[in-house]
Amino acid sequence: MLKVAFTNQELSFLKKIGFNVNCNLNIDIADEIVDKLGYDDTGIAADIITKITTNKDW
């Protein structure tokens, strides 16, 4: 389980792309999110990828 400090804006973005999640992420879901966002290294997608992949439990 990853505890990620997502903002409301990030959670809303994730919901719009099909992930109805909260700040406690199953590692499999976190992996799916990173895969779906791919190499989108701009804006909110980049922030989400960074928060997940730099998490101490990743």
N, C-alpha and C. Protein backbone atom coordinates (compact mmCIF):
# COMPACT_ATOMS: atom_id res chain seq x y z
N MET A 1 0.85 -1.18 0.00
CA MET A 1 0.00 0.00 0.00
C MET A 1 0.89 1.24 0.00
N LEU A 2 0.58 2.15 -0.91
CA LEU A 2 1.29 3.42 -0.98
C LEU A 2 0.38 4.52 -0.42
N LYS A 3 0.93 5.35 0.44
CA LYS A 3 0.20 6.52 0.92
C LYS A 3 0.77 7.71 0.15
N VAL A 4 -0.06 8.27 -0.72
CA VAL A 4 0.37 9.36 -1.59
C VAL A 4 -0.46 10.60 -1.29
N ALA A 5 0.20 11.72 -1.11
CA ALA A 5 -0.48 12.98 -0.77
C ALA A 5 -0.97 13.68 -2.03
N PHE A 6 -2.01 13.11 -2.65
CA PHE A 6 -2.61 13.73 -3.82
C PHE A 6 -3.42 14.95 -3.42
N THR A 7 -3.42 15.95 -4.28
CA THR A 7 -4.30 17.11 -4.09
C THR A 7 -5.69 16.75 -4.62
N ASN A 8 -6.68 17.55 -4.28
CA ASN A 8 -8.03 17.34 -4.81
C ASN A 8 -8.03 17.42 -6.33
N GLN A 9 -7.23 18.31 -6.88
CA GLN A 9 -7.12 18.47 -8.33
C GLN A 9 -6.56 17.19 -8.96
N GLU A 10 -5.55 16.61 -8.35
CA GLU A 10 -4.95 15.37 -8.86
C GLU A 10 -5.95 14.21 -8.77
N LEU A 11 -6.68 14.12 -7.67
CA LEU A 11 -7.69 13.07 -7.53
C LEU A 11 -8.79 13.23 -8.57
N SER A 12 -9.18 14.46 -8.85
CA SER A 12 -10.19 14.73 -9.86
C SER A 12 -9.67 14.32 -11.25
N PHE A 13 -8.43 14.64 -11.54
CA PHE A 13 -7.81 14.26 -12.81
C PHE A 13 -7.78 12.74 -12.95
N LEU A 14 -7.38 12.05 -11.90
CA LEU A 14 -7.33 10.58 -11.94
C LEU A 14 -8.72 10.00 -12.17
N LYS A 15 -9.72 10.58 -11.54
CA LYS A 15 -11.10 10.10 -11.72
C LYS A 15 -11.54 10.27 -13.17
N LYS A 16 -11.16 11.39 -13.79
CA LYS A 16 -11.53 11.65 -15.18
C LYS A 16 -10.90 10.65 -16.15
N ILE A 17 -9.74 10.09 -15.77
CA ILE A 17 -9.10 9.11 -16.66
C ILE A 17 -9.39 7.67 -16.23
N GLY A 18 -10.35 7.52 -15.31
CA GLY A 18 -10.83 6.18 -14.98
C GLY A 18 -10.34 5.57 -13.69
N PHE A 19 -9.68 6.35 -12.85
CA PHE A 19 -9.18 5.83 -11.58
C PHE A 19 -9.88 6.53 -10.43
N ASN A 20 -10.85 5.86 -9.82
CA ASN A 20 -11.56 6.40 -8.67
C ASN A 20 -10.81 5.94 -7.42
N VAL A 21 -9.79 6.71 -7.05
CA VAL A 21 -8.88 6.32 -5.97
C VAL A 21 -8.86 7.38 -4.88
N ASN A 22 -8.19 7.04 -3.78
CA ASN A 22 -7.92 8.02 -2.74
C ASN A 22 -6.41 8.05 -2.51
N CYS A 23 -5.98 8.56 -1.40
CA CYS A 23 -4.54 8.70 -1.15
C CYS A 23 -3.86 7.41 -0.72
N ASN A 24 -4.61 6.35 -0.50
CA ASN A 24 -4.05 5.04 -0.19
C ASN A 24 -4.18 4.17 -1.44
N LEU A 25 -3.06 3.91 -2.09
CA LEU A 25 -3.07 3.18 -3.35
C LEU A 25 -2.51 1.78 -3.21
N ASN A 26 -3.23 0.83 -3.75
CA ASN A 26 -2.70 -0.52 -3.91
C ASN A 26 -1.57 -0.41 -4.93
N ILE A 27 -0.49 -1.13 -4.74
CA ILE A 27 0.67 -1.03 -5.63
C ILE A 27 0.31 -1.38 -7.07
N ASP A 28 -0.62 -2.31 -7.27
CA ASP A 28 -1.03 -2.66 -8.63
C ASP A 28 -1.75 -1.49 -9.32
N ILE A 29 -2.57 -0.79 -8.58
CA ILE A 29 -3.27 0.38 -9.14
C ILE A 29 -2.27 1.49 -9.42
N ALA A 30 -1.32 1.70 -8.51
CA ALA A 30 -0.29 2.72 -8.72
C ALA A 30 0.48 2.41 -10.01
N ASP A 31 0.80 1.15 -10.22
CA ASP A 31 1.51 0.73 -11.43
C ASP A 31 0.67 1.01 -12.68
N GLU A 32 -0.63 0.72 -12.60
CA GLU A 32 -1.53 0.99 -13.73
C GLU A 32 -1.60 2.48 -14.05
N ILE A 33 -1.65 3.31 -13.01
CA ILE A 33 -1.69 4.75 -13.21
C ILE A 33 -0.44 5.23 -13.93
N VAL A 34 0.73 4.78 -13.44
CA VAL A 34 2.00 5.19 -14.05
C VAL A 34 2.05 4.71 -15.51
N ASP A 35 1.60 3.47 -15.75
CA ASP A 35 1.59 2.95 -17.13
C ASP A 35 0.66 3.77 -18.02
N LYS A 36 -0.52 4.12 -17.52
CA LYS A 36 -1.49 4.86 -18.34
C LYS A 36 -0.98 6.27 -18.65
N LEU A 37 -0.37 6.90 -17.66
CA LEU A 37 0.13 8.26 -17.88
C LEU A 37 1.41 8.25 -18.72
N GLY A 38 2.08 7.11 -18.72
CA GLY A 38 3.27 6.94 -19.56
C GLY A 38 4.33 7.98 -19.35
N TYR A 39 4.74 8.57 -20.44
CA TYR A 39 5.83 9.54 -20.39
C TYR A 39 5.31 10.97 -20.45
N ASP A 40 4.08 11.17 -20.01
CA ASP A 40 3.50 12.51 -20.00
C ASP A 40 4.18 13.30 -18.88
N ASP A 41 5.22 14.02 -19.26
CA ASP A 41 6.04 14.69 -18.26
C ASP A 41 5.69 16.17 -18.10
N THR A 42 4.41 16.48 -18.31
CA THR A 42 3.99 17.86 -18.16
C THR A 42 2.82 17.96 -17.20
N GLY A 43 2.75 19.07 -16.52
CA GLY A 43 1.60 19.40 -15.68
C GLY A 43 1.24 18.38 -14.63
N ILE A 44 -0.06 18.20 -14.46
CA ILE A 44 -0.59 17.38 -13.39
C ILE A 44 -0.19 15.91 -13.53
N ALA A 45 -0.12 15.41 -14.76
CA ALA A 45 0.28 14.02 -14.97
C ALA A 45 1.70 13.79 -14.45
N ALA A 46 2.58 14.72 -14.72
CA ALA A 46 3.96 14.61 -14.23
C ALA A 46 4.01 14.63 -12.71
N ASP A 47 3.19 15.49 -12.11
CA ASP A 47 3.14 15.56 -10.64
C ASP A 47 2.68 14.23 -10.04
N ILE A 48 1.68 13.63 -10.66
CA ILE A 48 1.16 12.35 -10.16
C ILE A 48 2.21 11.26 -10.30
N ILE A 49 2.84 11.17 -11.47
CA ILE A 49 3.88 10.17 -11.69
C ILE A 49 5.00 10.34 -10.67
N THR A 50 5.42 11.57 -10.45
CA THR A 50 6.50 11.83 -9.50
C THR A 50 6.11 11.43 -8.08
N LYS A 51 4.89 11.76 -7.68
CA LYS A 51 4.45 11.42 -6.32
C LYS A 51 4.41 9.90 -6.12
N ILE A 52 4.02 9.17 -7.15
CA ILE A 52 3.95 7.72 -7.02
C ILE A 52 5.35 7.10 -7.05
N THR A 53 6.13 7.46 -8.05
CA THR A 53 7.42 6.78 -8.26
C THR A 53 8.50 7.19 -7.27
N THR A 54 8.31 8.30 -6.57
CA THR A 54 9.28 8.68 -5.54
C THR A 54 8.81 8.29 -4.14
N ASN A 55 7.67 7.62 -4.06
CA ASN A 55 7.16 7.15 -2.78
C ASN A 55 8.11 6.10 -2.20
N LYS A 56 8.36 6.18 -0.91
CA LYS A 56 9.31 5.26 -0.26
C LYS A 56 8.91 3.80 -0.37
N ASP A 57 7.63 3.54 -0.57
CA ASP A 57 7.14 2.16 -0.68
C ASP A 57 7.01 1.66 -2.11
N TRP A 58 7.38 2.49 -3.08
CA TRP A 58 7.28 2.12 -4.49
C TRP A 58 8.26 1.07 -4.74
